[in-house]
Amino acid sequence: MPALLGHSHIFVLPSLQDNHPYAVMEAQVAGNAVIVSDAGGMPEMVNHGVTGLVFEKGNDEQLYQHLRTYMSDEPFRHYVAEEAKSFGHAHWSLDLMMERMRGIYETALSRNRGGVRV
C-alpha cells in the first residue's frame, strides 16, 4: 500500500461506518490529501481544513465539492497533504507504533518480575 499511496495525491474514504481505519493512517503517512466521511472515529483522525476534508456521510454533493476543491486549488491540496503527513508521522508512523508496543511489553515484563500477574 505505501508504494501505491506514494503515487497518489488524493485519498478518499467515503465510509458509512468505520471506526479508526488503518487506510487513513497509511494515506496520511504517505502525504496524501485526505477526504473522509464523518463516520465513526474518522473526524478525530482528520482535522477538517488542516489535515484533510471531512464530509457528512452519505452526502455525495459535499464529497463532490471537496474533490473539486482539491482538484482546483493545488496550493491548498499541497498544504493539506503536508499537514497530513506531519500529523501521520507524529501519530501513526511504524517507528512510533513499534516504540509504543515495546513500551507495553516492557511494562508487562516489569510487572511480572515484580510478582504482579498480568
PDB file of N, CA and C in Angstrom:
ATOM      1  N   MET A   1       0.802  -1.205   0.000  1.00  0.00           N
ATOM      2  CA  MET A   1       0.000   0.000   0.000  1.00  0.00           C
ATOM      3  C   MET A   1       0.844   1.269   0.000  1.00  0.00           C
ATOM      4  N   PRO A   2       1.902   1.353   0.805  1.00  0.00           N
ATOM      5  CA  PRO A   2       2.672   2.600   0.804  1.00  0.00           C
ATOM      6  C   PRO A   2       3.188   2.981  -0.583  1.00  0.00           C
ATOM      7  N   ALA A   3       3.589   2.000  -1.378  1.00  0.00           N
ATOM      8  CA  ALA A   3       4.086   2.310  -2.724  1.00  0.00           C
ATOM      9  C   ALA A   3       2.979   2.887  -3.594  1.00  0.00           C
ATOM     10  N   LEU A   4       1.783   2.326  -3.510  1.00  0.00           N
ATOM     11  CA  LEU A   4       0.658   2.848  -4.289  1.00  0.00           C
ATOM     12  C   LEU A   4       0.249   4.240  -3.813  1.00  0.00           C
ATOM     13  N   LEU A   5       0.192   4.413  -2.512  1.00  0.00           N
ATOM     14  CA  LEU A   5      -0.189   5.717  -1.971  1.00  0.00           C
ATOM     15  C   LEU A   5       0.850   6.779  -2.311  1.00  0.00           C
ATOM     16  N   GLY A   6       2.090   6.360  -2.457  1.00  0.00           N
ATOM     17  CA  GLY A   6       3.153   7.294  -2.836  1.00  0.00           C
ATOM     18  C   GLY A   6       2.972   7.878  -4.221  1.00  0.00           C
ATOM     19  N   HIS A   7       2.196   7.211  -5.055  1.00  0.00           N
ATOM     20  CA  HIS A   7       1.908   7.701  -6.408  1.00  0.00           C
ATOM     21  C   HIS A   7       0.604   8.485  -6.480  1.00  0.00           C
ATOM     22  N   SER A   8      -0.076   8.597  -5.354  1.00  0.00           N
ATOM     23  CA  SER A   8      -1.374   9.277  -5.308  1.00  0.00           C
ATOM     24  C   SER A   8      -1.219  10.670  -4.723  1.00  0.00           C
ATOM     25  N   HIS A   9      -2.187  11.519  -5.007  1.00  0.00           N
ATOM     26  CA  HIS A   9      -2.221  12.858  -4.423  1.00  0.00           C
ATOM     27  C   HIS A   9      -3.421  13.026  -3.504  1.00  0.00           C
ATOM     28  N   ILE A  10      -4.480  12.277  -3.785  1.00  0.00           N
ATOM     29  CA  ILE A  10      -5.729  12.391  -3.034  1.00  0.00           C
ATOM     30  C   ILE A  10      -6.169  10.999  -2.603  1.00  0.00           C
ATOM     31  N   PHE A  11      -6.619  10.903  -1.360  1.00  0.00           N
ATOM     32  CA  PHE A  11      -7.150   9.650  -0.827  1.00  0.00           C
ATOM     33  C   PHE A  11      -8.563   9.925  -0.334  1.00  0.00           C
ATOM     34  N   VAL A  12      -9.526   9.100  -0.753  1.00  0.00           N
ATOM     35  CA  VAL A  12     -10.926   9.277  -0.365  1.00  0.00           C
ATOM     36  C   VAL A  12     -11.436   7.997   0.303  1.00  0.00           C
ATOM     37  N   LEU A  13     -12.055   8.167   1.477  1.00  0.00           N
ATOM     38  CA  LEU A  13     -12.686   7.042   2.160  1.00  0.00           C
ATOM     39  C   LEU A  13     -14.105   7.470   2.541  1.00  0.00           C
ATOM     40  N   PRO A  14     -15.102   7.140   1.685  1.00  0.00           N
ATOM     41  CA  PRO A  14     -16.479   7.599   1.901  1.00  0.00           C
ATOM     42  C   PRO A  14     -17.316   6.635   2.740  1.00  0.00           C
ATOM     43  N   SER A  15     -16.728   6.038   3.741  1.00  0.00           N
ATOM     44  CA  SER A  15     -17.408   5.023   4.550  1.00  0.00           C
ATOM     45  C   SER A  15     -18.688   5.535   5.191  1.00  0.00           C
ATOM     46  N   LEU A  16     -19.651   4.634   5.292  1.00  0.00           N
ATOM     47  CA  LEU A  16     -20.874   4.923   6.029  1.00  0.00           C
ATOM     48  C   LEU A  16     -20.721   4.497   7.486  1.00  0.00           C
ATOM     49  N   GLN A  17     -19.767   3.579   7.727  1.00  0.00           N
ATOM     50  CA  GLN A  17     -19.489   3.102   9.076  1.00  0.00           C
ATOM     51  C   GLN A  17     -18.026   2.681   9.139  1.00  0.00           C
ATOM     52  N   ASP A  18     -17.272   3.286  10.020  1.00  0.00           N
ATOM     53  CA  ASP A  18     -15.863   2.942  10.196  1.00  0.00           C
ATOM     54  C   ASP A  18     -15.398   3.560  11.502  1.00  0.00           C
ATOM     55  N   ASN A  19     -14.519   2.902  12.204  1.00  0.00           N
ATOM     56  CA  ASN A  19     -14.109   3.432  13.498  1.00  0.00           C
ATOM     57  C   ASN A  19     -12.771   4.144  13.457  1.00  0.00           C
ATOM     58  N   HIS A  20     -11.737   3.455  13.068  1.00  0.00           N
ATOM     59  CA  HIS A  20     -10.393   4.019  13.077  1.00  0.00           C
ATOM     60  C   HIS A  20      -9.591   3.313  11.990  1.00  0.00           C
ATOM     61  N   PRO A  21      -9.924   3.593  10.725  1.00  0.00           N
ATOM     62  CA  PRO A  21      -9.349   2.810   9.633  1.00  0.00           C
ATOM     63  C   PRO A  21      -7.852   3.011   9.441  1.00  0.00           C
ATOM     64  N   TYR A  22      -7.163   1.891   9.330  1.00  0.00           N
ATOM     65  CA  TYR A  22      -5.727   1.892   9.082  1.00  0.00           C
ATOM     66  C   TYR A  22      -5.412   2.571   7.747  1.00  0.00           C
ATOM     67  N   ALA A  23      -6.325   2.478   6.792  1.00  0.00           N
ATOM     68  CA  ALA A  23      -6.109   3.082   5.468  1.00  0.00           C
ATOM     69  C   ALA A  23      -5.914   4.587   5.575  1.00  0.00           C
ATOM     70  N   VAL A  24      -6.623   5.247   6.481  1.00  0.00           N
ATOM     71  CA  VAL A  24      -6.461   6.696   6.665  1.00  0.00           C
ATOM     72  C   VAL A  24      -5.072   6.987   7.224  1.00  0.00           C
ATOM     73  N   MET A  25      -4.641   6.174   8.172  1.00  0.00           N
ATOM     74  CA  MET A  25      -3.296   6.348   8.740  1.00  0.00           C
ATOM     75  C   MET A  25      -2.232   6.214   7.644  1.00  0.00           C
ATOM     76  N   GLU A  26      -2.362   5.196   6.811  1.00  0.00           N
ATOM     77  CA  GLU A  26      -1.396   4.976   5.730  1.00  0.00           C
ATOM     78  C   GLU A  26      -1.389   6.152   4.757  1.00  0.00           C
ATOM     79  N   ALA A  27      -2.564   6.647   4.414  1.00  0.00           N
ATOM     80  CA  ALA A  27      -2.657   7.770   3.482  1.00  0.00           C
ATOM     81  C   ALA A  27      -2.014   9.021   4.064  1.00  0.00           C
ATOM     82  N   GLN A  28      -2.228   9.271   5.346  1.00  0.00           N
ATOM     83  CA  GLN A  28      -1.628  10.435   5.977  1.00  0.00           C
ATOM     84  C   GLN A  28      -0.110  10.319   5.994  1.00  0.00           C
ATOM     85  N   VAL A  29       0.404   9.186   6.414  1.00  0.00           N
ATOM     86  CA  VAL A  29       1.856   8.981   6.456  1.00  0.00           C
ATOM     87  C   VAL A  29       2.467   9.146   5.057  1.00  0.00           C
ATOM     88  N   ALA A  30       1.724   8.725   4.033  1.00  0.00           N
ATOM     89  CA  ALA A  30       2.203   8.848   2.655  1.00  0.00           C
ATOM     90  C   ALA A  30       2.123  10.282   2.135  1.00  0.00           C
ATOM     91  N   GLY A  31       1.439  11.167   2.866  1.00  0.00           N
ATOM     92  CA  GLY A  31       1.338  12.560   2.444  1.00  0.00           C
ATOM     93  C   GLY A  31       0.247  12.818   1.427  1.00  0.00           C
ATOM     94  N   ASN A  32      -0.829  12.072   1.518  1.00  0.00           N
ATOM     95  CA  ASN A  32      -1.966  12.300   0.627  1.00  0.00           C
ATOM     96  C   ASN A  32      -2.916  13.325   1.231  1.00  0.00           C
ATOM     97  N   ALA A  33      -3.549  14.122   0.377  1.00  0.00           N
ATOM     98  CA  ALA A  33      -4.647  14.979   0.802  1.00  0.00           C
ATOM     99  C   ALA A  33      -5.841  14.050   0.997  1.00  0.00           C
ATOM    100  N   VAL A  34      -6.375  14.003   2.203  1.00  0.00           N
ATOM    101  CA  VAL A  34      -7.378  13.024   2.592  1.00  0.00           C
ATOM    102  C   VAL A  34      -8.768  13.643   2.602  1.00  0.00           C
ATOM    103  N   ILE A  35      -9.737  12.870   2.125  1.00  0.00           N
ATOM    104  CA  ILE A  35     -11.151  13.208   2.254  1.00  0.00           C
ATOM    105  C   ILE A  35     -11.820  11.998   2.890  1.00  0.00           C
ATOM    106  N   VAL A  36     -12.498  12.216   4.022  1.00  0.00           N
ATOM    107  CA  VAL A  36     -13.193  11.129   4.710  1.00  0.00           C
ATOM    108  C   VAL A  36     -14.592  11.574   5.093  1.00  0.00           C
ATOM    109  N   SER A  37     -15.450  10.588   5.312  1.00  0.00           N
ATOM    110  CA  SER A  37     -16.785  10.893   5.829  1.00  0.00           C
ATOM    111  C   SER A  37     -16.688  11.108   7.334  1.00  0.00           C
ATOM    112  N   ASP A  38     -17.771  11.572   7.915  1.00  0.00           N
ATOM    113  CA  ASP A  38     -17.794  11.792   9.362  1.00  0.00           C
ATOM    114  C   ASP A  38     -18.243  10.554  10.126  1.00  0.00           C
ATOM    115  N   ALA A  39     -18.097   9.387   9.506  1.00  0.00           N
ATOM    116  CA  ALA A  39     -18.479   8.128  10.142  1.00  0.00           C
ATOM    117  C   ALA A  39     -17.493   7.767  11.253  1.00  0.00           C
ATOM    118  N   GLY A  40     -18.024   7.231  12.325  1.00  0.00           N
ATOM    119  CA  GLY A  40     -17.207   6.688  13.405  1.00  0.00           C
ATOM    120  C   GLY A  40     -16.158   7.636  13.928  1.00  0.00           C
ATOM    121  N   GLY A  41     -14.925   7.156  13.998  1.00  0.00           N
ATOM    122  CA  GLY A  41     -13.830   7.942  14.555  1.00  0.00           C
ATOM    123  C   GLY A  41     -13.023   8.725  13.553  1.00  0.00           C
ATOM    124  N   MET A  42     -13.455   8.744  12.294  1.00  0.00           N
ATOM    125  CA  MET A  42     -12.639   9.437  11.288  1.00  0.00           C
ATOM    126  C   MET A  42     -12.510  10.935  11.522  1.00  0.00           C
ATOM    127  N   PRO A  43     -13.533  11.631  12.022  1.00  0.00           N
ATOM    128  CA  PRO A  43     -13.338  13.060  12.294  1.00  0.00           C
ATOM    129  C   PRO A  43     -12.253  13.336  13.343  1.00  0.00           C
ATOM    130  N   GLU A  44     -11.977  12.363  14.214  1.00  0.00           N
ATOM    131  CA  GLU A  44     -10.900  12.518  15.184  1.00  0.00           C
ATOM    132  C   GLU A  44      -9.533  12.304  14.533  1.00  0.00           C
ATOM    133  N   MET A  45      -9.503  11.661  13.391  1.00  0.00           N
ATOM    134  CA  MET A  45      -8.253  11.390  12.692  1.00  0.00           C
ATOM    135  C   MET A  45      -7.903  12.495  11.692  1.00  0.00           C
ATOM    136  N   VAL A  46      -8.899  13.239  11.250  1.00  0.00           N
ATOM    137  CA  VAL A  46      -8.708  14.249  10.209  1.00  0.00           C
ATOM    138  C   VAL A  46      -9.263  15.583  10.701  1.00  0.00           C
ATOM    139  N   ASN A  47      -8.398  16.561  10.808  1.00  0.00           N
ATOM    140  CA  ASN A  47      -8.799  17.914  11.208  1.00  0.00           C
ATOM    141  C   ASN A  47      -9.251  18.655   9.952  1.00  0.00           C
ATOM    142  N   HIS A  48     -10.557  18.880   9.830  1.00  0.00           N
ATOM    143  CA  HIS A  48     -11.133  19.463   8.619  1.00  0.00           C
ATOM    144  C   HIS A  48     -10.462  20.789   8.258  1.00  0.00           C
ATOM    145  N   GLY A  49      -9.985  20.865   7.025  1.00  0.00           N
ATOM    146  CA  GLY A  49      -9.351  22.076   6.515  1.00  0.00           C
ATOM    147  C   GLY A  49      -7.881  22.196   6.858  1.00  0.00           C
ATOM    148  N   VAL A  50      -7.373  21.266   7.675  1.00  0.00           N
ATOM    149  CA  VAL A  50      -5.961  21.300   8.058  1.00  0.00           C
ATOM    150  C   VAL A  50      -5.251  20.032   7.594  1.00  0.00           C
ATOM    151  N   THR A  51      -5.687  18.876   8.090  1.00  0.00           N
ATOM    152  CA  THR A  51      -5.059  17.613   7.687  1.00  0.00           C
ATOM    153  C   THR A  51      -5.932  16.827   6.713  1.00  0.00           C
ATOM    154  N   GLY A  52      -6.982  17.431   6.231  1.00  0.00           N
ATOM    155  CA  GLY A  52      -7.870  16.786   5.274  1.00  0.00           C
ATOM    156  C   GLY A  52      -9.215  17.477   5.251  1.00  0.00           C
ATOM    157  N   LEU A  53     -10.148  16.857   4.570  1.00  0.00           N
ATOM    158  CA  LEU A  53     -11.509  17.373   4.489  1.00  0.00           C
ATOM    159  C   LEU A  53     -12.474  16.284   4.931  1.00  0.00           C
ATOM    160  N   VAL A  54     -13.492  16.679   5.682  1.00  0.00           N
ATOM    161  CA  VAL A  54     -14.480  15.743   6.208  1.00  0.00           C
ATOM    162  C   VAL A  54     -15.841  16.143   5.661  1.00  0.00           C
ATOM    163  N   PHE A  55     -16.596  15.149   5.201  1.00  0.00           N
ATOM    164  CA  PHE A  55     -17.948  15.416   4.705  1.00  0.00           C
ATOM    165  C   PHE A  55     -18.946  14.548   5.452  1.00  0.00           C
ATOM    166  N   GLU A  56     -20.190  14.973   5.447  1.00  0.00           N
ATOM    167  CA  GLU A  56     -21.268  14.240   6.102  1.00  0.00           C
ATOM    168  C   GLU A  56     -21.509  12.931   5.361  1.00  0.00           C
ATOM    169  N   LYS A  57     -21.473  11.826   6.098  1.00  0.00           N
ATOM    170  CA  LYS A  57     -21.637  10.518   5.452  1.00  0.00           C
ATOM    171  C   LYS A  57     -22.929  10.480   4.637  1.00  0.00           C
ATOM    172  N   GLY A  58     -22.814   9.938   3.430  1.00  0.00           N
ATOM    173  CA  GLY A  58     -23.951   9.841   2.529  1.00  0.00           C
ATOM    174  C   GLY A  58     -24.227  11.100   1.725  1.00  0.00           C
ATOM    175  N   ASN A  59     -23.510  12.173   2.001  1.00  0.00           N
ATOM    176  CA  ASN A  59     -23.736  13.439   1.300  1.00  0.00           C
ATOM    177  C   ASN A  59     -22.803  13.513   0.086  1.00  0.00           C
ATOM    178  N   ASP A  60     -23.262  12.983  -1.035  1.00  0.00           N
ATOM    179  CA  ASP A  60     -22.413  12.931  -2.223  1.00  0.00           C
ATOM    180  C   ASP A  60     -22.101  14.312  -2.792  1.00  0.00           C
ATOM    181  N   GLU A  61     -22.966  15.283  -2.586  1.00  0.00           N
ATOM    182  CA  GLU A  61     -22.692  16.648  -3.059  1.00  0.00           C
ATOM    183  C   GLU A  61     -21.515  17.257  -2.292  1.00  0.00           C
ATOM    184  N   GLN A  62     -21.471  17.050  -0.994  1.00  0.00           N
ATOM    185  CA  GLN A  62     -20.349  17.546  -0.192  1.00  0.00           C
ATOM    186  C   GLN A  62     -19.051  16.853  -0.603  1.00  0.00           C
ATOM    187  N   LEU A  63     -19.101  15.560  -0.826  1.00  0.00           N
ATOM    188  CA  LEU A  63     -17.927  14.821  -1.284  1.00  0.00           C
ATOM    189  C   LEU A  63     -17.444  15.396  -2.613  1.00  0.00           C
ATOM    190  N   TYR A  64     -18.364  15.618  -3.529  1.00  0.00           N
ATOM    191  CA  TYR A  64     -18.030  16.196  -4.831  1.00  0.00           C
ATOM    192  C   TYR A  64     -17.358  17.565  -4.663  1.00  0.00           C
ATOM    193  N   GLN A  65     -17.899  18.404  -3.797  1.00  0.00           N
ATOM    194  CA  GLN A  65     -17.331  19.735  -3.581  1.00  0.00           C
ATOM    195  C   GLN A  65     -15.917  19.648  -3.000  1.00  0.00           C
ATOM    196  N   HIS A  66     -15.693  18.713  -2.110  1.00  0.00           N
ATOM    197  CA  HIS A  66     -14.350  18.543  -1.546  1.00  0.00           C
ATOM    198  C   HIS A  66     -13.358  18.075  -2.619  1.00  0.00           C
ATOM    199  N   LEU A  67     -13.796  17.149  -3.454  1.00  0.00           N
ATOM    200  CA  LEU A  67     -12.937  16.712  -4.559  1.00  0.00           C
ATOM    201  C   LEU A  67     -12.633  17.872  -5.499  1.00  0.00           C
ATOM    202  N   ARG A  68     -13.636  18.665  -5.792  1.00  0.00           N
ATOM    203  CA  ARG A  68     -13.450  19.851  -6.646  1.00  0.00           C
ATOM    204  C   ARG A  68     -12.463  20.828  -6.028  1.00  0.00           C
ATOM    205  N   THR A  69     -12.563  21.017  -4.737  1.00  0.00           N
ATOM    206  CA  THR A  69     -11.637  21.914  -4.043  1.00  0.00           C
ATOM    207  C   THR A  69     -10.201  21.447  -4.227  1.00  0.00           C
ATOM    208  N   TYR A  70      -9.948  20.178  -3.988  1.00  0.00           N
ATOM    209  CA  TYR A  70      -8.590  19.657  -4.154  1.00  0.00           C
ATOM    210  C   TYR A  70      -8.116  19.752  -5.606  1.00  0.00           C
ATOM    211  N   MET A  71      -9.009  19.468  -6.537  1.00  0.00           N
ATOM    212  CA  MET A  71      -8.627  19.480  -7.958  1.00  0.00           C
ATOM    213  C   MET A  71      -8.371  20.898  -8.480  1.00  0.00           C
ATOM    214  N   SER A  72      -9.069  21.879  -7.926  1.00  0.00           N
ATOM    215  CA  SER A  72      -8.952  23.245  -8.455  1.00  0.00           C
ATOM    216  C   SER A  72      -8.003  24.127  -7.648  1.00  0.00           C
ATOM    217  N   ASP A  73      -7.628  23.712  -6.440  1.00  0.00           N
ATOM    218  CA  ASP A  73      -6.779  24.534  -5.588  1.00  0.00           C
ATOM    219  C   ASP A  73      -5.538  23.733  -5.185  1.00  0.00           C
ATOM    220  N   GLU A  74      -4.584  23.679  -6.093  1.00  0.00           N
ATOM    221  CA  GLU A  74      -3.384  22.875  -5.869  1.00  0.00           C
ATOM    222  C   GLU A  74      -2.580  23.326  -4.644  1.00  0.00           C
ATOM    223  N   PRO A  75      -2.401  24.644  -4.415  1.00  0.00           N
ATOM    224  CA  PRO A  75      -1.667  25.051  -3.209  1.00  0.00           C
ATOM    225  C   PRO A  75      -2.343  24.569  -1.920  1.00  0.00           C
ATOM    226  N   PHE A  76      -3.663  24.650  -1.861  1.00  0.00           N
ATOM    227  CA  PHE A  76      -4.384  24.166  -0.686  1.00  0.00           C
ATOM    228  C   PHE A  76      -4.208  22.664  -0.547  1.00  0.00           C
ATOM    229  N   ARG A  77      -4.318  21.926  -1.657  1.00  0.00           N
ATOM    230  CA  ARG A  77      -4.151  20.475  -1.623  1.00  0.00           C
ATOM    231  C   ARG A  77      -2.756  20.111  -1.107  1.00  0.00           C
ATOM    232  N   HIS A  78      -1.737  20.828  -1.562  1.00  0.00           N
ATOM    233  CA  HIS A  78      -0.367  20.563  -1.096  1.00  0.00           C
ATOM    234  C   HIS A  78      -0.215  20.883   0.395  1.00  0.00           C
ATOM    235  N   TYR A  79      -0.817  21.990   0.832  1.00  0.00           N
ATOM    236  CA  TYR A  79      -0.768  22.352   2.243  1.00  0.00           C
ATOM    237  C   TYR A  79      -1.387  21.247   3.100  1.00  0.00           C
ATOM    238  N   VAL A  80      -2.588  20.802   2.722  1.00  0.00           N
ATOM    239  CA  VAL A  80      -3.285  19.763   3.479  1.00  0.00           C
ATOM    240  C   VAL A  80      -2.468  18.468   3.470  1.00  0.00           C
ATOM    241  N   ALA A  81      -1.901  18.126   2.338  1.00  0.00           N
ATOM    242  CA  ALA A  81      -1.102  16.904   2.237  1.00  0.00           C
ATOM    243  C   ALA A  81       0.112  16.959   3.168  1.00  0.00           C
ATOM    244  N   GLU A  82       0.777  18.089   3.218  1.00  0.00           N
ATOM    245  CA  GLU A  82       1.942  18.231   4.105  1.00  0.00           C
ATOM    246  C   GLU A  82       1.535  18.171   5.575  1.00  0.00           C
ATOM    247  N   GLU A  83       0.426  18.814   5.903  1.00  0.00           N
ATOM    248  CA  GLU A  83      -0.069  18.768   7.281  1.00  0.00           C
ATOM    249  C   GLU A  83      -0.467  17.337   7.664  1.00  0.00           C
ATOM    250  N   ALA A  84      -1.109  16.638   6.727  1.00  0.00           N
ATOM    251  CA  ALA A  84      -1.498  15.245   6.974  1.00  0.00           C
ATOM    252  C   ALA A  84      -0.271  14.376   7.191  1.00  0.00           C
ATOM    253  N   LYS A  85       0.753  14.602   6.387  1.00  0.00           N
ATOM    254  CA  LYS A  85       1.989  13.819   6.506  1.00  0.00           C
ATOM    255  C   LYS A  85       2.652  14.070   7.868  1.00  0.00           C
ATOM    256  N   SER A  86       2.735  15.324   8.277  1.00  0.00           N
ATOM    257  CA  SER A  86       3.314  15.651   9.588  1.00  0.00           C
ATOM    258  C   SER A  86       2.506  15.009  10.712  1.00  0.00           C
ATOM    259  N   PHE A  87       1.189  15.142  10.622  1.00  0.00           N
ATOM    260  CA  PHE A  87       0.308  14.540  11.625  1.00  0.00           C
ATOM    261  C   PHE A  87       0.472  13.025  11.628  1.00  0.00           C
ATOM    262  N   GLY A  88       0.480  12.435  10.437  1.00  0.00           N
ATOM    263  CA  GLY A  88       0.616  10.983  10.325  1.00  0.00           C
ATOM    264  C   GLY A  88       1.904  10.466  10.937  1.00  0.00           C
ATOM    265  N   HIS A  89       3.011  11.146  10.656  1.00  0.00           N
ATOM    266  CA  HIS A  89       4.294  10.710  11.224  1.00  0.00           C
ATOM    267  C   HIS A  89       4.323  10.902  12.737  1.00  0.00           C
ATOM    268  N   ALA A  90       3.657  11.941  13.224  1.00  0.00           N
ATOM    269  CA  ALA A  90       3.631  12.192  14.662  1.00  0.00           C
ATOM    270  C   ALA A  90       2.722  11.220  15.410  1.00  0.00           C
ATOM    271  N   HIS A  91       1.725  10.658  14.728  1.00  0.00           N
ATOM    272  CA  HIS A  91       0.752   9.802  15.414  1.00  0.00           C
ATOM    273  C   HIS A  91       0.713   8.354  14.949  1.00  0.00           C
ATOM    274  N   TRP A  92       1.048   8.088  13.689  1.00  0.00           N
ATOM    275  CA  TRP A  92       0.829   6.736  13.164  1.00  0.00           C
ATOM    276  C   TRP A  92       2.059   6.073  12.569  1.00  0.00           C
ATOM    277  N   SER A  93       3.227   6.661  12.610  1.00  0.00           N
ATOM    278  CA  SER A  93       4.379   6.067  11.926  1.00  0.00           C
ATOM    279  C   SER A  93       4.697   4.688  12.503  1.00  0.00           C
ATOM    280  N   LEU A  94       5.263   3.844  11.678  1.00  0.00           N
ATOM    281  CA  LEU A  94       5.621   2.485  12.095  1.00  0.00           C
ATOM    282  C   LEU A  94       6.600   2.528  13.261  1.00  0.00           C
ATOM    283  N   ASP A  95       7.589   3.419  13.204  1.00  0.00           N
ATOM    284  CA  ASP A  95       8.560   3.529  14.290  1.00  0.00           C
ATOM    285  C   ASP A  95       7.868   3.887  15.608  1.00  0.00           C
ATOM    286  N   LEU A  96       6.945   4.828  15.551  1.00  0.00           N
ATOM    287  CA  LEU A  96       6.218   5.238  16.748  1.00  0.00           C
ATOM    288  C   LEU A  96       5.362   4.096  17.286  1.00  0.00           C
ATOM    289  N   MET A  97       4.681   3.400  16.392  1.00  0.00           N
ATOM    290  CA  MET A  97       3.848   2.277  16.834  1.00  0.00           C
ATOM    291  C   MET A  97       4.700   1.175  17.461  1.00  0.00           C
ATOM    292  N   MET A  98       5.864   0.906  16.875  1.00  0.00           N
ATOM    293  CA  MET A  98       6.754  -0.121  17.424  1.00  0.00           C
ATOM    294  C   MET A  98       7.271   0.308  18.799  1.00  0.00           C
ATOM    295  N   GLU A  99       7.594   1.585  18.952  1.00  0.00           N
ATOM    296  CA  GLU A  99       8.061   2.094  20.244  1.00  0.00           C
ATOM    297  C   GLU A  99       6.969   1.959  21.304  1.00  0.00           C
ATOM    298  N   ARG A 100       5.730   2.288  20.925  1.00  0.00           N
ATOM    299  CA  ARG A 100       4.611   2.146  21.871  1.00  0.00           C
ATOM    300  C   ARG A 100       4.406   0.687  22.255  1.00  0.00           C
ATOM    301  N   MET A 101       4.485  -0.207  21.274  1.00  0.00           N
ATOM    302  CA  MET A 101       4.307  -1.638  21.542  1.00  0.00           C
ATOM    303  C   MET A 101       5.416  -2.145  22.454  1.00  0.00           C
ATOM    304  N   ARG A 102       6.641  -1.707  22.210  1.00  0.00           N
ATOM    305  CA  ARG A 102       7.760  -2.098  23.067  1.00  0.00           C
ATOM    306  C   ARG A 102       7.508  -1.642  24.509  1.00  0.00           C
ATOM    307  N   GLY A 103       6.994  -0.432  24.667  1.00  0.00           N
ATOM    308  CA  GLY A 103       6.689   0.089  25.995  1.00  0.00           C
ATOM    309  C   GLY A 103       5.653  -0.754  26.718  1.00  0.00           C
ATOM    310  N   ILE A 104       4.663  -1.215  25.978  1.00  0.00           N
ATOM    311  CA  ILE A 104       3.629  -2.079  26.568  1.00  0.00           C
ATOM    312  C   ILE A 104       4.245  -3.381  27.057  1.00  0.00           C
ATOM    313  N   TYR A 105       5.104  -3.990  26.207  1.00  0.00           N
ATOM    314  CA  TYR A 105       5.756  -5.234  26.610  1.00  0.00           C
ATOM    315  C   TYR A 105       6.683  -5.019  27.800  1.00  0.00           C
ATOM    316  N   GLU A 106       7.432  -3.934  27.811  1.00  0.00           N
ATOM    317  CA  GLU A 106       8.341  -3.665  28.922  1.00  0.00           C
ATOM    318  C   GLU A 106       7.568  -3.465  30.227  1.00  0.00           C
ATOM    319  N   THR A 107       6.429  -2.784  30.153  1.00  0.00           N
ATOM    320  CA  THR A 107       5.594  -2.593  31.339  1.00  0.00           C
ATOM    321  C   THR A 107       5.089  -3.934  31.841  1.00  0.00           C
ATOM    322  N   ALA A 108       4.622  -4.775  30.936  1.00  0.00           N
ATOM    323  CA  ALA A 108       4.116  -6.097  31.326  1.00  0.00           C
ATOM    324  C   ALA A 108       5.226  -6.942  31.938  1.00  0.00           C
ATOM    325  N   LEU A 109       6.416  -6.903  31.341  1.00  0.00           N
ATOM    326  CA  LEU A 109       7.535  -7.683  31.874  1.00  0.00           C
ATOM    327  C   LEU A 109       7.954  -7.186  33.250  1.00  0.00           C
ATOM    328  N   SER A 110       8.012  -5.879  33.436  1.00  0.00           N
ATOM    329  CA  SER A 110       8.438  -5.345  34.735  1.00  0.00           C
ATOM    330  C   SER A 110       7.408  -5.677  35.811  1.00  0.00           C
ATOM    331  N   ARG A 111       6.136  -5.667  35.480  1.00  0.00           N
ATOM    332  CA  ARG A 111       5.105  -6.045  36.447  1.00  0.00           C
ATOM    333  C   ARG A 111       5.224  -7.526  36.802  1.00  0.00           C
ATOM    334  N   ASN A 112       5.509  -8.338  35.793  1.00  0.00           N
ATOM    335  CA  ASN A 112       5.648  -9.780  36.009  1.00  0.00           C
ATOM    336  C   ASN A 112       6.853 -10.068  36.904  1.00  0.00           C
ATOM    337  N   ARG A 113       7.967  -9.337  36.708  1.00  0.00           N
ATOM    338  CA  ARG A 113       9.157  -9.532  37.529  1.00  0.00           C
ATOM    339  C   ARG A 113       8.905  -9.112  38.971  1.00  0.00           C
ATOM    340  N   GLY A 114       8.014  -8.155  39.153  1.00  0.00           N
ATOM    341  CA  GLY A 114       7.708  -7.677  40.496  1.00  0.00           C
ATOM    342  C   GLY A 114       6.671  -8.522  41.210  1.00  0.00           C
ATOM    343  N   GLY A 115       6.265  -9.625  40.606  1.00  0.00           N
ATOM    344  CA  GLY A 115       5.297 -10.502  41.227  1.00  0.00           C
ATOM    345  C   GLY A 115       3.857 -10.163  40.927  1.00  0.00           C
ATOM    346  N   VAL A 116       3.650  -9.155  40.085  1.00  0.00           N
ATOM    347  CA  VAL A 116       2.280  -8.790  39.721  1.00  0.00           C
ATOM    348  C   VAL A 116       1.877  -9.600  38.506  1.00  0.00           C
ATOM    349  N   ARG A 117       0.734 -10.256  38.587  1.00  0.00           N
ATOM    350  CA  ARG A 117       0.258 -11.034  37.441  1.00  0.00           C
ATOM    351  C   ARG A 117      -0.348 -10.110  36.417  1.00  0.00           C
ATOM    352  N   VAL A 118       0.014 -10.325  35.169  1.00  0.00           N
ATOM    353  CA  VAL A 118      -0.502  -9.500  34.078  1.00  0.00           C
ATOM    354  C   VAL A 118      -1.495 -10.278  33.263  1.00  0.00           C
TER     355      VAL A 118
END
